[in-house]
């Protein structure tokens, strides 16, 4: 574009120079001629030059040309009519220049307005583009989080081991939300109405969690049954920061949501940070979704744990069921064959238990069984097992390291049961037990032989007066 303008300007200069030469030539060679034609030709040529060029430099050149010629005619005192012609042309061209300038000023203003409109539209488009970028970024983030949630649900839905499940939940929460210093899961003990720290995931090995029973934040979530977000605990009117910190965990911001399944409060999932305003409302909503998914999995793990417990332990006494106990018994005998190992098998039967049920009802009978089971459990040591063998019969495996000490332990069981009192409807129920004892390996080297020997001695005790211990 600059090269084109330079060429045009040079062309204009040549024409201007040529016109000046022509006028000077005419003045010198045609002074005696009164005919105005050559001057009119030059004027027409100059006017045509201006009209054809149609750009501002041409007008400038022409006006300069007219001024120079007019001054020349005045200097040489050329006849009056010629001066009038040129002055008239100057006025005409001045008018044309004014109109031209006005017209182009209007066009320029119009172009400026149009340019401003374009700039405004461009700014609006730029703002919209930036907003679309933010929306797109937010959508991509949400899609990524939904993908993470789907994978999270796949990871936990089939996991029935409670400890492993809680490990997965805390780890995935830290990965998905990617904020905070620690993720904690507190499970609620409805019997004691307290929280227990079930699992934790720390962002750094330097962090410690000493609040094993939770703090007022967990109890607030329990009472309100709603999610909790704290941007800065030092400025939150709902909590006394000194009281919260006294539980052993100092933090500044927090999000915590309840774990609820089938309208039962199971616990809370909590994330906290030593930084203020670490978490957003979106983080809280996401954690709430994770808690809802986790609640189903945790509830399933509890049910599976309960089923496993019922498959192994008696629901009333919490002792092993017969099948599981016999498996442990067989393993103990197999181990004892290869080393010197002495143990005893006790068959315990409650005396006159049928009369207790008939006189006081089966609920009382259940209380008696629970009470006796609690007494027996209190004396069990490592590698000693108890089993509810029948309705009111218990089978116990005890280690024998010192015979006198062993006999004292069994006598303690019998005396404690005899002295125990169970109050039902303002009545005191007392029970006694008869115990038959068989020793490995003296009385047998197989499960069946030892159980048969202890059972025979039990019925020997029943026939000889009950409430006693029979060793032979």
Protein backbone atom coordinates (compact mmCIF):
# COMPACT_ATOMS: atom_id res chain seq x y z
CA UNK A 1 0.00 0.00 0.00
CA UNK A 2 2.88 2.42 0.80
CA UNK A 3 4.50 1.70 -2.60
CA UNK A 4 1.23 2.55 -4.41
CA UNK A 5 0.89 5.87 -2.55
CA UNK A 6 4.52 6.76 -3.29
CA UNK A 7 4.00 6.10 -6.99
CA UNK A 8 0.86 8.23 -7.05
CA UNK A 9 2.55 11.12 -5.24
CA UNK A 10 5.45 10.98 -7.65
CA UNK A 11 3.03 10.99 -10.59
CA UNK A 12 1.22 14.02 -9.15
CA UNK A 13 4.51 15.86 -8.74
CA UNK A 14 5.43 15.22 -12.39
CA UNK A 15 2.08 16.58 -13.60
CA UNK A 16 2.43 19.62 -11.40
CA UNK A 17 5.92 20.25 -12.71
CA UNK A 18 4.76 19.78 -16.29
CA UNK A 19 1.88 22.27 -15.84
CA UNK A 20 4.20 24.93 -14.40
CA UNK A 21 6.55 24.53 -17.37
CA UNK A 22 3.63 24.78 -19.79
CA UNK A 23 2.32 27.98 -18.21
CA UNK A 24 5.72 29.59 -18.21
CA UNK A 25 6.24 28.65 -21.84
CA UNK A 26 2.92 30.21 -22.86
CA UNK A 27 3.65 33.41 -20.98
CA UNK A 28 6.98 33.78 -22.70
CA UNK A 29 5.98 32.79 -26.24
CA UNK A 30 2.37 33.97 -26.53
CA UNK A 31 2.38 37.39 -24.88
CA UNK A 32 1.00 39.19 -27.90
CA UNK A 33 -1.95 36.92 -28.40
CA UNK A 34 -5.17 38.16 -26.85
CA UNK A 35 -6.96 34.86 -27.34
CA UNK A 36 -7.69 33.14 -24.10
CA UNK A 37 -7.91 29.60 -25.49
CA UNK A 38 -4.50 28.25 -24.32
CA UNK A 39 -5.25 29.35 -20.80
CA UNK A 40 -8.68 27.80 -20.89
CA UNK A 41 -7.10 24.57 -22.16
CA UNK A 42 -4.72 24.58 -19.25
CA UNK A 43 -7.52 25.30 -16.84
CA UNK A 44 -9.61 22.44 -18.25
CA UNK A 45 -6.59 20.17 -18.12
CA UNK A 46 -5.91 21.13 -14.52
CA UNK A 47 -9.54 20.64 -13.57
CA UNK A 48 -9.58 17.27 -15.31
CA UNK A 49 -6.41 16.36 -13.47
CA UNK A 50 -8.07 17.13 -10.12
CA UNK A 51 -11.35 15.38 -11.06
CA UNK A 52 -9.68 12.23 -12.31
CA UNK A 53 -7.24 11.75 -9.45
CA UNK A 54 -9.96 12.00 -6.75
CA UNK A 55 -7.69 11.95 -3.77
CA UNK A 56 -6.61 14.63 -1.41
CA UNK A 57 -3.04 15.04 -2.63
CA UNK A 58 -4.30 15.98 -6.08
CA UNK A 59 -6.39 18.83 -4.65
CA UNK A 60 -3.44 20.06 -2.63
CA UNK A 61 -1.18 20.07 -5.69
CA UNK A 62 -3.80 21.89 -7.76
CA UNK A 63 -4.39 24.61 -5.16
CA UNK A 64 -0.63 25.18 -4.84
CA UNK A 65 -0.45 25.39 -8.61
CA UNK A 66 -3.23 27.99 -8.78
CA UNK A 67 -1.66 30.09 -6.03
CA UNK A 68 1.72 30.11 -7.80
CA UNK A 69 0.16 31.04 -11.16
CA UNK A 70 -1.98 33.78 -9.64
CA UNK A 71 1.02 35.26 -7.93
CA UNK A 72 2.90 35.06 -11.21
CA UNK A 73 0.18 36.95 -13.11
CA UNK A 74 0.01 39.60 -10.46
CA UNK A 75 3.77 40.03 -10.48
CA UNK A 76 4.01 40.46 -14.25
CA UNK A 77 0.86 42.60 -14.17
CA UNK A 78 -0.90 40.55 -16.68
CA UNK A 79 -4.22 41.83 -18.02
CA UNK A 80 -7.07 41.97 -15.57
CA UNK A 81 -9.36 39.28 -17.12
CA UNK A 82 -6.83 36.51 -16.58
CA UNK A 83 -6.48 37.35 -12.92
CA UNK A 84 -10.25 37.19 -12.59
CA UNK A 85 -10.35 33.78 -14.27
CA UNK A 86 -7.84 32.32 -11.88
CA UNK A 87 -9.35 33.95 -8.83
CA UNK A 88 -12.72 32.56 -9.88
CA UNK A 89 -11.19 29.09 -10.28
CA UNK A 90 -9.59 29.37 -6.85
CA UNK A 91 -12.97 30.20 -5.29
CA UNK A 92 -14.64 27.31 -7.15
CA UNK A 93 -11.94 24.86 -6.15
CA UNK A 94 -12.01 26.14 -2.59
CA UNK A 95 -15.76 25.45 -2.48
CA UNK A 96 -15.19 22.02 -3.99
CA UNK A 97 -12.45 21.33 -1.48
CA UNK A 98 -14.75 22.35 1.40
CA UNK A 99 -17.54 20.10 0.14
CA UNK A 100 -15.08 17.31 -0.47
CA UNK A 101 -13.63 17.75 2.98
CA UNK A 102 -17.10 17.89 4.59
CA UNK A 103 -18.22 14.82 2.69
CA UNK A 104 -15.17 12.85 3.69
CA UNK A 105 -15.44 14.07 7.27
CA UNK A 106 -18.99 12.70 7.39
CA UNK A 107 -17.80 9.45 5.84
CA UNK A 108 -14.91 9.34 8.28
CA UNK A 109 -17.28 9.91 11.22
CA UNK A 110 -19.52 7.19 9.85
CA UNK A 111 -16.55 4.87 9.50
CA UNK A 112 -15.43 5.73 13.04
CA UNK A 113 -18.90 4.96 14.36
CA UNK A 114 -18.92 1.72 12.42
CA UNK A 115 -15.44 0.96 13.72
CA UNK A 116 -16.57 1.67 17.29
CA UNK A 117 -19.54 -0.63 16.75
CA UNK A 118 -17.22 -3.31 15.43
CA UNK A 119 -14.89 -2.84 18.39
CA UNK A 120 -17.83 -3.00 20.82
CA UNK A 121 -19.12 -6.13 19.10
CA UNK A 122 -15.60 -7.57 19.22
CA UNK A 123 -15.36 -6.78 22.94
CA UNK A 124 -18.75 -8.38 23.56
CA UNK A 125 -17.70 -11.41 21.54
CA UNK A 126 -14.44 -11.56 23.47
CA UNK A 127 -16.31 -11.44 26.80
CA UNK A 128 -18.72 -14.10 25.57
CA UNK A 129 -15.79 -16.17 24.37
CA UNK A 130 -14.11 -15.93 27.78
CA UNK A 131 -17.39 -16.87 29.47
CA UNK A 132 -17.74 -19.82 27.12
CA UNK A 133 -14.19 -20.84 27.96
CA UNK A 134 -15.04 -20.72 31.68
CA UNK A 135 -18.26 -22.67 31.10
CA UNK A 136 -16.38 -25.20 29.00
CA UNK A 137 -13.71 -25.53 31.67
CA UNK A 138 -16.38 -25.99 34.34
CA UNK A 139 -18.18 -28.60 32.21
CA UNK A 140 -14.95 -30.46 31.59
CA UNK A 141 -14.27 -30.41 35.33
CA UNK A 142 -17.77 -31.70 36.09
CA UNK A 143 -17.47 -34.41 33.43
CA UNK A 144 -14.13 -35.42 34.92
CA UNK A 145 -15.67 -35.51 38.41
CA UNK A 146 -18.68 -37.54 37.21
CA UNK A 147 -16.26 -39.97 35.56
CA UNK A 148 -14.36 -40.19 38.84
CA UNK A 149 -17.65 -40.75 40.71
CA UNK A 150 -18.64 -43.57 38.36
CA UNK A 151 -15.27 -45.26 38.83
CA UNK A 152 -15.55 -44.62 42.58
CA UNK A 153 -18.94 -46.33 42.73
CA UNK A 154 -17.54 -49.29 40.76
CA UNK A 155 -14.63 -49.58 43.18
CA UNK A 156 -16.76 -49.62 46.33
CA UNK A 157 -20.04 -51.25 45.32
CA UNK A 158 -18.71 -54.84 45.34
CA UNK A 159 -16.36 -54.40 48.30
CA UNK A 160 -17.82 -56.11 51.38
CA UNK A 161 -14.76 -55.93 53.61
CA UNK A 162 -15.42 -52.93 55.85
CA UNK A 163 -11.81 -51.96 56.58
CA UNK A 164 -10.74 -52.27 52.96
CA UNK A 165 -13.85 -50.35 51.87
CA UNK A 166 -13.10 -47.45 54.22
CA UNK A 167 -9.50 -47.34 52.95
CA UNK A 168 -10.75 -47.04 49.37
CA UNK A 169 -13.27 -44.32 50.27
CA UNK A 170 -10.78 -42.04 52.07
CA UNK A 171 -8.15 -42.46 49.36
CA UNK A 172 -10.60 -41.78 46.51
CA UNK A 173 -12.07 -38.74 48.29
CA UNK A 174 -8.62 -37.15 48.47
CA UNK A 175 -8.02 -37.95 44.78
CA UNK A 176 -11.37 -36.67 43.50
CA UNK A 177 -11.67 -33.47 45.53
CA UNK A 178 -7.90 -32.91 45.56
CA UNK A 179 -7.98 -30.40 48.41
CA UNK A 180 -7.28 -30.37 52.12
CA UNK A 181 -4.79 -32.10 54.38
CA UNK A 182 -6.74 -35.09 55.62
CA UNK A 183 -9.86 -37.19 55.02
CA UNK A 184 -11.46 -38.84 58.06
CA UNK A 185 -14.32 -41.31 58.44
CA UNK A 186 -15.99 -41.47 61.86
CA UNK A 187 -18.52 -44.26 62.44
CA UNK A 188 -21.24 -43.69 65.00
CA UNK A 189 -21.74 -46.13 67.88
CA UNK A 190 -25.48 -45.93 68.63
CA UNK A 191 -25.12 -48.01 71.78
CA UNK A 192 -22.69 -45.59 73.41
CA UNK A 193 -23.76 -42.56 71.35
CA UNK A 194 -20.18 -41.75 70.43
CA UNK A 195 -17.99 -41.43 67.34
CA UNK A 196 -15.02 -43.68 66.62
CA UNK A 197 -12.34 -42.93 64.05
CA UNK A 198 -12.69 -45.79 61.57
CA UNK A 199 -10.24 -44.69 58.87
CA UNK A 200 -8.06 -41.75 57.82
CA UNK A 201 -6.01 -40.70 54.81
CA UNK A 202 -3.31 -38.08 55.36
CA UNK A 203 -1.84 -35.91 52.62
CA UNK A 204 1.50 -35.90 54.45
CA UNK A 205 3.22 -38.37 56.74
CA UNK A 206 4.00 -35.46 59.09
CA UNK A 207 0.32 -35.03 59.95
CA UNK A 208 -1.19 -36.70 63.00
CA UNK A 209 -4.80 -37.36 63.95
CA UNK A 210 -5.34 -37.50 67.70
CA UNK A 211 -9.10 -36.83 67.71
CA UNK A 212 -10.09 -40.53 67.81
CA UNK A 213 -13.58 -39.74 69.11
CA UNK A 214 -14.33 -36.77 66.87
CA UNK A 215 -15.00 -33.23 68.02
CA UNK A 216 -18.02 -30.85 68.23
CA UNK A 217 -18.14 -30.62 64.42
CA UNK A 218 -19.08 -34.33 64.15
CA UNK A 219 -21.78 -33.94 66.82
CA UNK A 220 -23.17 -30.89 64.98
CA UNK A 221 -23.52 -32.97 61.78
CA UNK A 222 -25.12 -35.77 63.82
CA UNK A 223 -27.70 -33.43 65.38
CA UNK A 224 -28.50 -31.46 62.21
CA UNK A 225 -28.24 -34.38 59.75
CA UNK A 226 -26.96 -31.86 57.19
CA UNK A 227 -23.57 -31.16 55.54
CA UNK A 228 -21.26 -28.65 57.22
CA UNK A 229 -18.76 -26.22 55.66
CA UNK A 230 -16.41 -23.96 57.62
CA UNK A 231 -14.35 -21.36 55.76
CA UNK A 232 -12.56 -20.29 58.95
CA UNK A 233 -13.36 -21.82 62.31
CA UNK A 234 -11.85 -18.82 64.11
CA UNK A 235 -14.61 -16.62 62.64
CA UNK A 236 -17.52 -19.07 62.78
CA UNK A 237 -20.07 -18.22 65.48
CA UNK A 238 -21.33 -21.82 65.74
CA UNK A 239 -18.17 -23.25 67.28
CA UNK A 240 -15.71 -22.35 70.00
CA UNK A 241 -12.35 -22.90 68.29
CA UNK A 242 -10.51 -23.46 71.58
CA UNK A 243 -12.96 -26.19 72.54
CA UNK A 244 -12.67 -27.82 69.10
CA UNK A 245 -8.86 -27.69 69.15
CA UNK A 246 -8.82 -29.25 72.62
CA UNK A 247 -9.94 -32.55 71.03
CA UNK A 248 -6.51 -32.88 69.39
CA UNK A 249 -7.00 -31.71 65.80
CA UNK A 250 -6.23 -28.10 64.79
CA UNK A 251 -7.53 -26.84 61.44
CA UNK A 252 -8.96 -23.69 59.87
CA UNK A 253 -11.42 -24.84 57.19
CA UNK A 254 -13.57 -27.96 56.96
CA UNK A 255 -16.27 -29.82 55.06
CA UNK A 256 -18.18 -32.67 56.68
CA UNK A 257 -21.20 -34.68 55.51
CA UNK A 258 -23.37 -37.33 57.18
CA UNK A 259 -23.36 -40.98 56.07
CA UNK A 260 -27.00 -42.05 56.16
CA UNK A 261 -28.51 -45.30 54.86
CA UNK A 262 -32.13 -46.39 55.25
CA UNK A 263 -32.69 -43.38 57.54
CA UNK A 264 -29.99 -44.67 59.89
CA UNK A 265 -27.05 -42.42 60.77
CA UNK A 266 -23.84 -44.41 60.18
CA UNK A 267 -21.20 -41.71 60.62
CA UNK A 268 -19.52 -38.77 58.85
CA UNK A 269 -16.94 -38.18 56.13
CA UNK A 270 -14.81 -35.15 56.89
CA UNK A 271 -12.05 -33.20 55.17
CA UNK A 272 -10.15 -30.38 56.81
CA UNK A 273 -7.20 -28.09 56.11
CA UNK A 274 -4.90 -25.76 58.00
CA UNK A 275 -5.64 -23.14 55.29
CA UNK A 276 -8.67 -20.82 55.40
CA UNK A 277 -11.31 -20.96 52.63
CA UNK A 278 -9.81 -24.17 51.28
CA UNK A 279 -13.14 -25.73 50.26
CA UNK A 280 -15.98 -24.51 48.04
CA UNK A 281 -19.70 -25.23 47.91
CA UNK A 282 -19.04 -27.49 44.89
CA UNK A 283 -16.60 -29.51 46.99
CA UNK A 284 -19.25 -29.90 49.69
CA UNK A 285 -21.87 -31.04 47.16
CA UNK A 286 -19.40 -33.53 45.66
CA UNK A 287 -18.51 -34.92 49.08
CA UNK A 288 -22.22 -35.26 49.85
CA UNK A 289 -22.67 -37.36 46.67
CA UNK A 290 -19.68 -39.49 47.65
CA UNK A 291 -21.17 -39.97 51.13
CA UNK A 292 -24.50 -41.08 49.64
CA UNK A 293 -22.71 -43.67 47.48
CA UNK A 294 -20.52 -44.72 50.40
CA UNK A 295 -23.50 -45.10 52.73
CA UNK A 296 -24.94 -47.89 50.59
CA UNK A 297 -21.58 -49.69 50.41
CA UNK A 298 -20.88 -49.28 54.15
CA UNK A 299 -24.37 -50.51 55.02
CA UNK A 300 -23.85 -53.55 52.77
CA UNK A 301 -20.49 -54.21 54.44
CA UNK A 302 -22.15 -54.03 57.88
CA UNK A 303 -24.85 -56.48 56.76
CA UNK A 304 -22.24 -58.82 55.29
CA UNK A 305 -20.20 -58.58 58.49
CA UNK A 306 -23.32 -59.39 60.48
CA UNK A 307 -24.08 -62.38 58.25
CA UNK A 308 -20.53 -63.65 58.63
CA UNK A 309 -20.81 -63.17 62.37
CA UNK A 310 -24.10 -65.08 62.48
CA UNK A 311 -22.57 -67.84 60.38
CA UNK A 312 -19.75 -68.27 62.91
CA UNK A 313 -21.11 -67.03 66.24
CA UNK A 314 -24.30 -67.61 68.17
CA UNK A 315 -26.41 -64.44 68.10
CA UNK A 316 -27.39 -64.73 71.79
CA UNK A 317 -24.16 -65.66 73.57
CA UNK A 318 -21.63 -64.50 70.86
CA UNK A 319 -19.88 -67.87 71.29
CA UNK A 320 -18.79 -69.97 68.31
CA UNK A 321 -21.41 -72.14 66.68
CA UNK A 322 -20.82 -75.91 66.84
CA UNK A 323 -19.46 -76.29 63.29
CA UNK A 324 -16.89 -73.49 63.59
CA UNK A 325 -15.85 -74.64 67.06
CA UNK A 326 -15.30 -78.22 65.86
CA UNK A 327 -13.12 -76.91 63.02
CA UNK A 328 -10.98 -75.00 65.54
CA UNK A 329 -10.94 -78.09 67.78
CA UNK A 330 -9.64 -80.30 64.93
CA UNK A 331 -6.90 -77.76 64.10
CA UNK A 332 -5.84 -77.61 67.75
CA UNK A 333 -5.56 -81.42 67.94
CA UNK A 334 -3.57 -81.51 64.68
CA UNK A 335 -1.14 -78.93 66.07
CA UNK A 336 -0.89 -80.75 69.40
CA UNK A 337 0.23 -84.02 67.74
CA UNK A 338 3.58 -82.43 66.80
CA UNK A 339 4.39 -80.83 70.17
CA UNK A 340 3.76 -81.20 73.83
CA UNK A 341 0.45 -79.44 74.30
CA UNK A 342 -2.07 -80.03 77.06
CA UNK A 343 -5.59 -78.74 77.07
CA UNK A 344 -8.97 -79.65 78.47
CA UNK A 345 -12.51 -79.81 77.14
CA UNK A 346 -15.34 -78.66 79.41
CA UNK A 347 -18.95 -79.62 78.86
CA UNK A 348 -21.12 -77.22 80.89
CA UNK A 349 -24.87 -77.68 81.39
CA UNK A 350 -27.26 -75.38 83.27
CA UNK A 351 -29.06 -77.25 86.06
CA UNK A 352 -32.85 -77.41 85.82
CA UNK A 353 -32.92 -74.91 82.92
CA UNK A 354 -36.31 -76.21 81.74
CA UNK A 355 -37.86 -75.25 85.08
CA UNK A 356 -36.41 -71.74 84.69
CA UNK A 357 -38.08 -71.38 81.28
CA UNK A 358 -41.35 -72.84 82.52
CA UNK A 359 -41.51 -70.65 85.63
CA UNK A 360 -40.15 -67.36 84.31
CA UNK A 361 -40.48 -67.60 80.51
CA UNK A 362 -38.05 -67.91 77.64
CA UNK A 363 -36.97 -64.26 77.90
CA UNK A 364 -35.61 -65.01 81.35
CA UNK A 365 -33.94 -68.11 79.93
CA UNK A 366 -32.19 -65.95 77.34
CA UNK A 367 -30.99 -63.58 80.07
CA UNK A 368 -29.60 -66.53 82.01
CA UNK A 369 -27.73 -67.79 78.94
CA UNK A 370 -26.28 -64.30 78.31
CA UNK A 371 -25.22 -63.96 81.94
CA UNK A 372 -23.44 -67.32 82.00
CA UNK A 373 -21.80 -66.61 78.62
CA UNK A 374 -20.49 -63.30 79.99
CA UNK A 375 -18.97 -65.07 83.02
CA UNK A 376 -17.32 -67.72 80.86
CA UNK A 377 -15.97 -65.13 78.42
CA UNK A 378 -14.34 -63.21 81.28
CA UNK A 379 -12.00 -66.14 82.06
CA UNK A 380 -11.01 -67.06 78.50
CA UNK A 381 -7.41 -66.44 77.48
CA UNK A 382 -5.48 -66.55 74.22
CA UNK A 383 -6.16 -69.68 72.13
CA UNK A 384 -9.10 -70.65 74.31
CA UNK A 385 -12.55 -71.03 72.74
CA UNK A 386 -16.16 -71.39 73.83
CA UNK A 387 -19.12 -72.83 71.94
CA UNK A 388 -22.85 -72.98 72.50
CA UNK A 389 -23.12 -76.71 71.93
CA UNK A 390 -26.82 -77.16 72.55
CA UNK A 391 -29.80 -75.29 74.00
CA UNK A 392 -28.31 -74.82 77.47
CA UNK A 393 -24.98 -76.60 76.98
CA UNK A 394 -21.58 -74.96 76.46
CA UNK A 395 -18.42 -76.59 75.21
CA UNK A 396 -15.15 -74.90 76.21
CA UNK A 397 -11.52 -75.54 75.26
CA UNK A 398 -9.05 -74.37 77.93
CA UNK A 399 -5.25 -74.58 78.10
CA UNK A 400 -3.71 -76.61 80.92
CA UNK A 401 -0.30 -75.38 82.07
CA UNK A 402 -0.66 -76.00 85.80
CA UNK A 403 -3.29 -78.45 87.06
CA UNK A 404 -3.97 -76.66 90.33
CA UNK A 405 -4.34 -73.31 88.62
CA UNK A 406 -6.60 -74.95 86.03
CA UNK A 407 -8.90 -76.44 88.67
CA UNK A 408 -9.08 -73.07 90.43
CA UNK A 409 -10.22 -71.40 87.18
CA UNK A 410 -13.00 -73.96 86.66
CA UNK A 411 -14.12 -73.66 90.27
CA UNK A 412 -14.18 -69.87 89.85
CA UNK A 413 -16.53 -70.29 86.88
CA UNK A 414 -18.88 -72.56 88.86
CA UNK A 415 -18.92 -70.33 91.96
CA UNK A 416 -19.39 -67.11 89.98
CA UNK A 417 -22.41 -68.61 88.17
CA UNK A 418 -23.84 -69.92 91.43
CA UNK A 419 -23.54 -66.53 93.14
CA UNK A 420 -24.87 -64.50 90.23
CA UNK A 421 -28.39 -63.12 90.50
CA UNK A 422 -30.74 -62.24 87.67
CA UNK A 423 -33.68 -60.01 88.57
CA UNK A 424 -36.91 -60.58 86.66
CA UNK A 425 -40.14 -58.82 87.66
CA UNK A 426 -38.75 -58.06 91.14
CA UNK A 427 -37.79 -61.72 91.55
CA UNK A 428 -34.25 -63.04 91.86
CA UNK A 429 -33.33 -66.03 89.71
CA UNK A 430 -30.35 -68.16 90.77
CA UNK A 431 -28.87 -70.89 88.60
CA UNK A 432 -26.11 -73.47 88.94
CA UNK A 433 -24.13 -75.50 86.43
CA UNK A 434 -22.60 -78.98 86.26
CA UNK A 435 -19.26 -79.34 84.48
CA UNK A 436 -17.66 -82.41 82.91
CA UNK A 437 -13.93 -82.21 82.13
CA UNK A 438 -11.81 -84.26 79.70
CA UNK A 439 -8.06 -83.87 79.16
CA UNK A 440 -5.92 -84.17 76.04
CA UNK A 441 -4.21 -86.54 75.51
CA UNK A 442 -5.09 -88.65 78.59
CA UNK A 443 -8.85 -88.98 77.75
CA UNK A 444 -8.52 -89.11 73.99
CA UNK A 445 -6.66 -87.86 70.97
CA UNK A 446 -9.60 -87.03 68.73
CA UNK A 447 -12.37 -84.48 68.87
CA UNK A 448 -15.14 -87.03 69.23
CA UNK A 449 -13.36 -88.95 72.01
CA UNK A 450 -12.75 -85.82 74.09
CA UNK A 451 -16.31 -84.53 73.66
CA UNK A 452 -17.75 -87.93 74.54
CA UNK A 453 -15.56 -88.17 77.65
CA UNK A 454 -16.54 -84.71 78.90
CA UNK A 455 -20.22 -85.39 78.14
CA UNK A 456 -20.17 -88.66 80.11
CA UNK A 457 -18.64 -86.91 83.12
CA UNK A 458 -21.24 -84.15 82.84
CA UNK A 459 -24.09 -86.64 83.13
CA UNK A 460 -22.27 -88.37 85.95
CA UNK A 461 -22.35 -85.06 87.79
CA UNK A 462 -26.06 -84.64 86.99
CA UNK A 463 -26.82 -88.07 88.46
CA UNK A 464 -24.81 -87.41 91.61
CA UNK A 465 -26.37 -84.14 92.70
CA UNK A 466 -25.63 -81.38 90.12
CA UNK A 467 -23.76 -78.10 90.72
CA UNK A 468 -20.35 -79.79 90.65
CA UNK A 469 -17.26 -80.44 88.55
CA UNK A 470 -16.40 -84.01 87.47
CA UNK A 471 -12.82 -84.78 86.33
CA UNK A 472 -13.00 -88.59 86.12
